[in-house]
Amino acid sequence: MTATHKARCCRCGARLARDNNSGRCSPCSSHHRQHPDTAPEVPAGFWDETVISAALQSRHMGRVIRAWRTHPSHGRHPMSQDQTASWMGMSQAQLSRIENGPPMVHLDRLMQWAAALHMPAERLWFAMPATSSEPGKKEDKVNRRHFFASTAATAVSGFMHGQSGSGDQEAVEWLAWHLWQHRRTELEPSQIPQATAVRLNRHPHVSRRADGSYFFTDPALTDVLVAQRLFGDIMQGSGHLLATAQTSHITDLTISALAAENEGARRGLAAWMRSGATAVLRVNSAGILAKVGTPELGDAAICSIRNDPDTRHLYITAVASRVLELSWEQAAHLAAGAGRPAANRRLGAGDGGDGWASRRLSVELANTRDAAARWCSAVLLAECVDTNDAHTRSALAASVKRETCRENLRAYATVLAGTTPLAIG
């Protein structure tokens, strides 16, 4: 008696024909041919396989990806690094480093890769954003706040996992703090105490260049570790650390998500924003509050920035540097000219001069995470770009429809009228 043929499709589980050696049924093979740029969907039981379950528990995305590639559900041959890397938006060499290197802690990248390989959110050790196609405004704000609030805790937990003790943690925190203070991505050996260097030498997330300079394997760790330290200082009612150096956009986002849930932190930041002893303390406080996400705090931050020349100069400099890809010195020069005619001024390093800058600033008008950055973009558009350009006017008109802050609505109206938001009293 002939044995029953029991081969099934590795993707959907359908019974395969006797002569089908591909591991996939006809519909699944057709789907794979039609969607070569996306990873295949996998059955629910895929994630219960021993190797992939252990990889998920290790909280090491590289191990999870390797287990995903070599899962028996894919058929006789594992998914190649080349193919998998293309689905994840990277090169084969990059994927190899991720699979074989230390755990990745950059939450944005973890979320991107998990989504690319259709990993179920309930199996992951970090929070994924809501998947609803049309979330309500309140739900969207809560999800976004939860994402940034979890960034520091998740990243630092994974970053320090398996380290030998508090001395190693103090060493990496020291490195992050000094990189941030000096606006650097690496430090020379002569700048690092010997005892700290010894601990950094054995840390898996710290590397050295040929000249001996120390740097983080993932630059985002600087922002995460600094945000954690700054928020701790804010919670103690001290603005000393916040007055040390101007914070980055990413650092502000992380701190603002934490401050959104703490009334005491918001009160302290509001007081420093209005009457902090230094411009750096005032601009950092305003930057954090502008990113909390409420119209009231956004308006308060914008008013403070507009009425304080030193704070305004620093905030416009930061926005110009980030959005227009300028050096800090170039951006500061541009900010210093706000309020004065600036004919024929080249704004950015893009390929289209003012047209390129206009597009970048117009996109920033839709930055829902920073009310003050939207205001600064309106100032730069009014001062340095032809606001009669159809694209610019269309972007401003669209921004009026979605804007929630009163001060930004006034700013967009003045730009459309041919003047500058700095003229508003």
Protein backbone atom coordinates (compact mmCIF):
# COMPACT_ATOMS: atom_id res chain seq x y z
CA MET A 1 0.00 0.00 0.00
CA THR A 2 1.35 3.39 -0.99
CA ALA A 3 2.18 5.73 1.91
CA THR A 4 0.07 8.84 2.27
CA HIS A 5 1.80 12.00 1.06
CA LYS A 6 1.85 14.45 4.01
CA ALA A 7 4.10 17.31 2.83
CA ARG A 8 2.59 20.70 3.62
CA CYS A 9 3.27 24.30 2.65
CA CYS A 10 5.76 25.93 5.03
CA ARG A 11 3.79 29.20 4.87
CA CYS A 12 0.10 28.34 5.09
CA GLY A 13 0.08 24.62 5.96
CA ALA A 14 -1.81 23.48 2.85
CA ARG A 15 -1.09 19.96 1.57
CA LEU A 16 1.46 19.92 -1.26
CA ALA A 17 1.35 17.89 -4.45
CA ARG A 18 3.66 14.86 -4.62
CA ASP A 19 5.95 16.52 -7.16
CA ASN A 20 6.16 19.85 -5.30
CA ASN A 21 9.66 20.13 -3.82
CA SER A 22 9.64 23.91 -3.26
CA GLY A 23 8.13 23.83 0.24
CA ARG A 24 5.37 26.27 -0.83
CA CYS A 25 1.95 25.76 -2.38
CA SER A 26 1.06 27.51 -5.64
CA PRO A 27 -0.77 30.52 -4.06
CA CYS A 28 2.08 31.14 -1.59
CA SER A 29 4.68 30.84 -4.34
CA SER A 30 2.70 33.36 -6.38
CA HIS A 31 2.53 35.75 -3.40
CA HIS A 32 6.28 35.42 -2.88
CA ARG A 33 6.95 36.27 -6.54
CA GLN A 34 4.58 39.27 -6.44
CA HIS A 35 5.99 40.65 -3.17
CA PRO A 36 9.75 40.09 -3.33
CA ASP A 37 10.45 43.27 -1.34
CA THR A 38 8.53 42.24 1.76
CA ALA A 39 9.15 39.44 4.24
CA PRO A 40 6.65 36.58 4.12
CA GLU A 41 3.93 36.22 6.71
CA VAL A 42 4.47 33.25 9.02
CA PRO A 43 2.00 31.00 10.87
CA ALA A 44 1.21 31.72 14.53
CA GLY A 45 3.05 28.60 15.72
CA PHE A 46 6.25 29.91 14.12
CA TRP A 47 7.09 31.89 17.25
CA ASP A 48 6.77 28.88 19.59
CA GLU A 49 9.70 27.02 18.04
CA THR A 50 12.39 26.42 20.68
CA VAL A 51 15.26 28.34 19.07
CA ILE A 52 13.27 31.44 18.21
CA SER A 53 11.57 31.45 21.62
CA ALA A 54 14.97 31.37 23.33
CA ALA A 55 16.22 34.17 21.07
CA LEU A 56 13.26 36.36 22.02
CA GLN A 57 13.92 35.75 25.71
CA SER A 58 17.56 36.82 25.27
CA ARG A 59 16.37 40.32 24.18
CA HIS A 60 19.01 40.27 21.44
CA MET A 61 17.46 41.28 18.11
CA GLY A 62 20.38 39.86 16.15
CA ARG A 63 19.74 36.39 17.60
CA VAL A 64 16.03 36.75 16.90
CA ILE A 65 16.68 37.63 13.25
CA ARG A 66 19.08 34.69 12.84
CA ALA A 67 16.50 32.35 14.41
CA TRP A 68 13.84 33.80 12.10
CA ARG A 69 16.02 33.25 9.01
CA THR A 70 16.88 29.65 9.87
CA HIS A 71 13.41 28.62 11.05
CA PRO A 72 12.33 25.24 9.57
CA SER A 73 9.04 26.83 8.49
CA HIS A 74 10.87 28.54 5.62
CA GLY A 75 11.52 25.24 3.90
CA ARG A 76 14.63 23.23 3.16
CA HIS A 77 16.93 26.23 2.91
CA PRO A 78 17.19 29.14 5.40
CA MET A 79 16.51 32.69 4.33
CA SER A 80 19.77 34.30 3.21
CA GLN A 81 21.24 37.28 5.03
CA ASP A 82 21.16 39.12 1.71
CA GLN A 83 17.41 38.69 1.21
CA THR A 84 16.52 39.34 4.85
CA ALA A 85 18.70 42.46 4.96
CA SER A 86 16.92 43.87 1.90
CA TRP A 87 13.54 43.54 3.66
CA MET A 88 14.95 45.37 6.66
CA GLY A 89 16.50 48.25 4.69
CA MET A 90 20.17 47.43 5.29
CA SER A 91 23.14 45.65 3.71
CA GLN A 92 24.17 42.02 4.24
CA ALA A 93 27.30 43.20 6.08
CA GLN A 94 25.22 45.33 8.47
CA LEU A 95 22.89 42.42 9.22
CA SER A 96 25.89 40.16 9.88
CA ARG A 97 27.22 42.66 12.44
CA ILE A 98 23.81 42.87 14.13
CA GLU A 99 23.45 39.09 14.34
CA ASN A 100 26.95 38.58 15.73
CA GLY A 101 27.50 41.80 17.69
CA PRO A 102 26.23 43.13 21.03
CA PRO A 103 22.46 43.68 21.59
CA MET A 104 20.99 46.63 19.72
CA VAL A 105 19.28 49.13 22.06
CA HIS A 106 18.10 51.85 19.63
CA LEU A 107 14.32 51.53 20.00
CA ASP A 108 13.49 53.12 16.62
CA ARG A 109 15.54 50.46 14.83
CA LEU A 110 14.20 47.60 16.93
CA MET A 111 10.65 48.66 16.05
CA GLN A 112 11.49 49.03 12.34
CA TRP A 113 13.02 45.56 12.12
CA ALA A 114 10.26 43.92 14.14
CA ALA A 115 7.67 45.43 11.80
CA ALA A 116 9.63 44.35 8.69
CA LEU A 117 9.62 40.72 9.82
CA HIS A 118 6.02 40.83 11.13
CA MET A 119 7.00 39.99 14.71
CA PRO A 120 3.95 39.90 17.01
CA ALA A 121 4.02 42.75 19.53
CA GLU A 122 3.09 40.50 22.46
CA ARG A 123 6.28 38.48 21.97
CA LEU A 124 8.64 41.48 22.10
CA TRP A 125 10.46 43.04 25.06
CA PHE A 126 9.67 46.60 23.94
CA ALA A 127 6.46 48.45 23.07
CA MET A 128 5.33 48.76 19.47
CA PRO A 129 3.19 51.74 18.34
CA ALA A 130 -0.53 51.37 17.71
CA THR A 131 -1.36 49.82 14.32
CA SER A 132 -4.74 51.41 13.82
CA SER A 133 -4.83 53.22 10.50
CA GLU A 134 -6.87 56.14 11.87
CA PRO A 135 -6.20 56.51 15.60
CA GLY A 136 -7.97 59.26 17.47
CA LYS A 137 -5.90 62.27 18.45
CA LYS A 138 -5.99 61.39 22.13
CA GLU A 139 -5.04 57.76 21.51
CA ASP A 140 -2.25 58.78 19.14
CA LYS A 141 -0.80 61.21 21.71
CA VAL A 142 -0.89 58.60 24.47
CA ASN A 143 0.76 55.96 22.27
CA ARG A 144 3.49 58.35 21.17
CA ARG A 145 4.10 59.47 24.75
CA HIS A 146 4.28 55.84 25.90
CA PHE A 147 6.80 55.07 23.16
CA PHE A 148 9.21 57.85 24.14
CA ALA A 149 8.71 57.30 27.86
CA SER A 150 9.66 53.64 27.43
CA THR A 151 12.73 54.43 25.31
CA ALA A 152 15.08 55.27 28.16
CA ALA A 153 14.03 52.42 30.43
CA THR A 154 14.07 49.82 27.65
CA ALA A 155 17.32 50.95 26.10
CA VAL A 156 19.24 51.35 29.33
CA SER A 157 17.95 48.00 30.62
CA GLY A 158 19.12 46.20 27.49
CA PHE A 159 22.32 48.23 27.35
CA MET A 160 23.44 47.34 30.87
CA HIS A 161 22.14 43.75 30.74
CA GLY A 162 24.86 41.34 31.76
CA GLN A 163 27.41 43.95 32.84
CA SER A 164 29.64 43.29 35.84
CA GLY A 165 28.57 46.07 38.19
CA SER A 166 27.82 49.69 38.97
CA GLY A 167 31.36 50.75 38.04
CA ASP A 168 30.76 49.85 34.40
CA GLN A 169 27.49 51.77 34.43
CA GLU A 170 29.19 54.82 35.90
CA ALA A 171 31.87 54.62 33.20
CA VAL A 172 29.42 54.60 30.29
CA GLU A 173 27.32 57.34 31.89
CA TRP A 174 30.50 59.39 32.27
CA LEU A 175 31.32 58.87 28.58
CA ALA A 176 27.79 59.80 27.48
CA TRP A 177 27.78 62.95 29.60
CA HIS A 178 31.12 64.22 28.30
CA LEU A 179 30.27 63.41 24.67
CA TRP A 180 27.08 65.43 25.09
CA GLN A 181 28.78 68.37 26.81
CA HIS A 182 31.45 68.65 24.12
CA ARG A 183 29.07 67.98 21.19
CA ARG A 184 31.29 65.09 20.14
CA THR A 185 30.76 61.53 18.98
CA GLU A 186 34.10 60.33 20.37
CA LEU A 187 36.68 61.23 23.03
CA GLU A 188 40.46 60.94 22.87
CA PRO A 189 42.21 58.73 25.47
CA SER A 190 43.87 61.80 27.03
CA GLN A 191 40.40 63.14 27.93
CA ILE A 192 39.39 60.04 29.89
CA PRO A 193 40.56 59.12 33.42
CA GLN A 194 42.56 55.90 33.51
CA ALA A 195 40.15 54.07 35.83
CA THR A 196 37.22 54.97 33.55
CA ALA A 197 39.13 53.90 30.43
CA VAL A 198 39.79 50.45 31.95
CA ARG A 199 36.06 49.88 32.39
CA LEU A 200 35.23 51.26 28.95
CA ASN A 201 37.78 48.91 27.35
CA ARG A 202 35.77 45.86 28.40
CA HIS A 203 32.30 47.21 27.68
CA PRO A 204 30.59 45.62 24.63
CA HIS A 205 28.86 48.85 23.57
CA VAL A 206 32.01 50.99 23.59
CA SER A 207 34.61 50.75 20.79
CA ARG A 208 37.93 52.38 19.93
CA ARG A 209 39.19 53.79 16.67
CA ALA A 210 42.69 53.30 15.29
CA ASP A 211 43.84 56.49 17.04
CA GLY A 212 42.50 55.21 20.37
CA SER A 213 39.39 57.42 20.55
CA TYR A 214 36.39 55.99 22.44
CA PHE A 215 32.86 56.00 20.99
CA PHE A 216 29.52 54.23 21.45
CA THR A 217 28.70 51.51 18.92
CA ASP A 218 25.21 53.06 18.79
CA PRO A 219 25.36 56.90 18.97
CA ALA A 220 21.77 57.02 20.25
CA LEU A 221 23.01 55.77 23.62
CA THR A 222 24.39 59.22 24.35
CA ASP A 223 20.92 60.79 24.16
CA VAL A 224 19.26 58.00 26.15
CA LEU A 225 21.76 58.02 29.01
CA VAL A 226 21.89 61.82 29.17
CA ALA A 227 18.08 62.06 29.20
CA GLN A 228 17.93 59.62 32.10
CA ARG A 229 20.44 61.64 34.09
CA LEU A 230 18.82 65.00 33.34
CA PHE A 231 15.35 63.84 34.30
CA GLY A 232 16.66 62.56 37.61
CA ASP A 233 18.06 66.03 38.30
CA ILE A 234 14.79 67.69 37.29
CA MET A 235 12.86 65.42 39.66
CA GLN A 236 15.06 66.64 42.51
CA GLY A 237 14.10 70.24 41.70
CA SER A 238 17.57 71.10 40.38
CA GLY A 239 18.25 72.81 37.06
CA HIS A 240 22.02 72.60 37.45
CA LEU A 241 22.61 69.84 34.89
CA LEU A 242 20.00 71.24 32.50
CA ALA A 243 21.97 74.49 32.43
CA THR A 244 25.20 72.72 31.44
CA ALA A 245 24.71 72.44 27.65
CA GLN A 246 21.90 72.72 25.13
CA THR A 247 19.99 69.45 24.79
CA SER A 248 19.37 67.68 21.49
CA HIS A 249 15.98 67.13 19.85
CA ILE A 250 16.01 63.41 20.74
CA THR A 251 17.03 64.06 24.36
CA ASP A 252 14.20 66.58 24.70
CA LEU A 253 11.68 64.10 23.29
CA THR A 254 12.64 61.45 25.82
CA ILE A 255 12.56 63.86 28.77
CA SER A 256 9.29 65.44 27.63
CA ALA A 257 7.57 62.05 27.56
CA LEU A 258 8.65 61.47 31.16
CA ALA A 259 7.69 65.01 32.21
CA ALA A 260 4.25 64.64 30.62
CA GLU A 261 3.34 62.21 33.41
CA ASN A 262 4.83 64.29 36.24
CA GLU A 263 3.25 67.58 37.28
CA GLY A 264 6.13 68.52 39.57
CA ALA A 265 8.63 68.21 36.72
CA ARG A 266 6.43 70.36 34.45
CA ARG A 267 6.10 73.08 37.11
CA GLY A 268 9.85 73.20 37.61
CA LEU A 269 10.51 73.37 33.86
CA ALA A 270 7.94 76.15 33.43
CA ALA A 271 9.61 78.22 36.15
CA TRP A 272 13.07 77.77 34.61
CA MET A 273 11.69 78.56 31.14
CA ARG A 274 10.40 81.93 32.37
CA SER A 275 13.18 82.99 34.73
CA GLY A 276 16.10 80.56 34.53
CA ALA A 277 19.48 82.07 35.39
CA THR A 278 20.99 81.27 31.96
CA ALA A 279 19.74 81.20 28.38
CA VAL A 280 20.74 77.53 28.11
CA LEU A 281 18.56 76.59 31.10
CA ARG A 282 15.65 78.61 29.68
CA VAL A 283 15.93 77.16 26.15
CA ASN A 284 16.29 73.57 27.39
CA SER A 285 13.23 73.94 29.62
CA ALA A 286 11.23 75.49 26.78
CA GLY A 287 12.34 72.77 24.38
CA ILE A 288 11.16 70.00 26.69
CA LEU A 289 7.79 71.63 27.39
CA ALA A 290 7.24 72.37 23.68
CA LYS A 291 7.43 68.62 23.05
CA VAL A 292 5.04 67.47 25.79
CA GLY A 293 2.22 67.69 23.26
CA THR A 294 -0.43 69.93 24.85
CA PRO A 295 -1.46 73.18 23.11
CA GLU A 296 -1.22 75.11 26.41
CA LEU A 297 2.40 74.18 27.04
CA GLY A 298 3.23 74.66 23.36
CA ASP A 299 1.85 78.19 23.42
CA ALA A 300 3.68 78.98 26.66
CA ALA A 301 6.98 77.75 25.21
CA ILE A 302 6.53 79.73 21.99
CA CYS A 303 5.73 82.94 23.89
CA SER A 304 8.80 82.47 26.06
CA ILE A 305 11.04 81.86 23.05
CA ARG A 306 9.62 84.77 21.06
CA ASN A 307 9.99 87.28 23.91
CA ASP A 308 13.48 86.22 25.03
CA PRO A 309 16.11 87.14 22.39
CA ASP A 310 18.80 84.83 23.79
CA THR A 311 16.47 81.84 24.05
CA ARG A 312 15.05 82.58 20.59
CA HIS A 313 18.53 82.68 19.05
CA LEU A 314 19.44 79.30 20.55
CA TYR A 315 16.18 77.61 19.54
CA ILE A 316 16.24 78.89 15.97
CA THR A 317 19.88 77.84 15.72
CA ALA A 318 19.01 74.30 16.85
CA VAL A 319 16.10 74.01 14.40
CA ALA A 320 18.11 75.43 11.48
CA SER A 321 21.01 73.08 12.22
CA ARG A 322 18.78 69.99 12.39
CA VAL A 323 16.33 70.74 9.61
CA LEU A 324 18.65 72.45 7.10
CA GLU A 325 21.68 70.26 7.85
CA LEU A 326 23.88 73.21 8.75
CA SER A 327 26.85 73.28 11.09
CA TRP A 328 26.10 74.88 14.45
CA GLU A 329 28.13 77.95 13.45
CA GLN A 330 26.26 78.37 10.15
CA ALA A 331 22.91 77.91 11.86
CA ALA A 332 23.83 80.45 14.55
CA HIS A 333 24.75 82.98 11.85
CA LEU A 334 21.39 82.37 10.18
CA ALA A 335 19.51 82.74 13.48
CA ALA A 336 21.34 85.99 14.24
CA GLY A 337 19.89 87.46 11.04
CA ALA A 338 16.28 86.69 11.95
CA GLY A 339 14.31 89.91 11.81
CA ARG A 340 16.60 91.52 9.23
CA PRO A 341 16.43 91.37 5.42
CA ALA A 342 18.39 88.42 4.04
CA ALA A 343 18.24 88.59 0.26
CA ASN A 344 19.99 85.79 -1.62
CA ARG A 345 20.98 83.95 1.54
CA ARG A 346 21.76 80.27 0.94
CA LEU A 347 19.99 78.22 3.58
CA GLY A 348 21.03 74.61 3.26
CA ALA A 349 23.35 72.06 1.81
CA GLY A 350 20.71 70.49 -0.43
CA ASP A 351 20.70 70.47 -4.18
CA GLY A 352 18.11 73.16 -4.70
CA GLY A 353 19.22 76.19 -2.69
CA ASP A 354 16.30 78.08 -1.20
CA GLY A 355 13.85 75.73 -2.93
CA TRP A 356 15.36 72.79 -1.08
CA ALA A 357 15.33 74.73 2.20
CA SER A 358 11.72 75.75 1.65
CA ARG A 359 10.71 72.10 1.27
CA ARG A 360 12.57 71.05 4.42
CA LEU A 361 11.08 73.87 6.49
CA SER A 362 7.61 73.15 5.09
CA VAL A 363 7.92 69.53 6.22
CA GLU A 364 8.95 70.72 9.69
CA LEU A 365 5.67 72.65 9.93
CA ALA A 366 4.03 69.23 10.26
CA ASN A 367 6.30 68.13 13.13
CA THR A 368 3.67 67.25 15.73
CA ARG A 369 6.35 66.49 18.32
CA ASP A 370 7.65 70.05 18.71
CA ALA A 371 5.37 73.08 18.73
CA ALA A 372 8.29 75.52 19.06
CA ALA A 373 10.15 73.97 16.11
CA ARG A 374 7.07 74.65 13.97
CA TRP A 375 7.17 78.30 15.06
CA CYS A 376 10.91 78.59 14.32
CA SER A 377 10.34 77.08 10.87
CA ALA A 378 7.71 79.73 10.17
CA VAL A 379 10.20 82.42 11.22
CA LEU A 380 12.87 81.02 8.88
CA LEU A 381 10.39 80.74 6.02
CA ALA A 382 9.32 84.37 6.51
CA GLU A 383 12.88 85.69 6.75
CA CYS A 384 14.74 83.69 4.15
CA VAL A 385 12.37 82.13 1.60
CA ASP A 386 10.09 83.51 -1.08
CA THR A 387 6.75 82.98 0.64
CA ASN A 388 4.90 83.68 -2.60
CA ASP A 389 6.17 80.33 -3.85
CA ALA A 390 3.14 78.10 -4.47
CA HIS A 391 4.58 75.11 -2.60
CA THR A 392 5.40 77.19 0.49
CA ARG A 393 1.98 78.84 0.59
CA SER A 394 0.28 75.48 0.15
CA ALA A 395 2.29 74.01 3.05
CA LEU A 396 1.41 76.97 5.27
CA ALA A 397 -2.28 76.71 4.39
CA ALA A 398 -2.29 72.98 5.18
CA SER A 399 -0.53 73.69 8.50
CA VAL A 400 -3.25 76.17 9.49
CA LYS A 401 -5.85 73.39 9.19
CA ARG A 402 -4.07 70.95 11.49
CA GLU A 403 -2.36 73.29 13.97
CA THR A 404 -3.46 73.08 17.63
CA CYS A 405 -1.37 75.92 19.11
CA ARG A 406 -2.81 79.43 18.97
CA GLU A 407 0.62 81.06 18.69
CA ASN A 408 1.52 78.98 15.65
CA LEU A 409 -1.76 79.84 13.95
CA ARG A 410 -0.90 83.51 14.39
CA ALA A 411 2.61 82.88 13.07
CA TYR A 412 1.39 81.11 9.91
CA ALA A 413 -1.11 83.91 9.27
CA THR A 414 1.62 86.57 9.46
CA VAL A 415 3.87 84.65 7.06
CA LEU A 416 1.01 84.27 4.56
CA ALA A 417 0.43 88.02 4.92
CA GLY A 418 4.03 88.71 3.97
CA THR A 419 5.54 89.58 7.34
CA THR A 420 7.41 87.80 10.13
CA PRO A 421 6.09 86.11 13.30
CA LEU A 422 8.65 88.22 15.18
CA ALA A 423 6.41 91.21 14.53
CA ILE A 424 3.69 89.74 16.76
CA GLY A 425 3.58 91.56 20.10
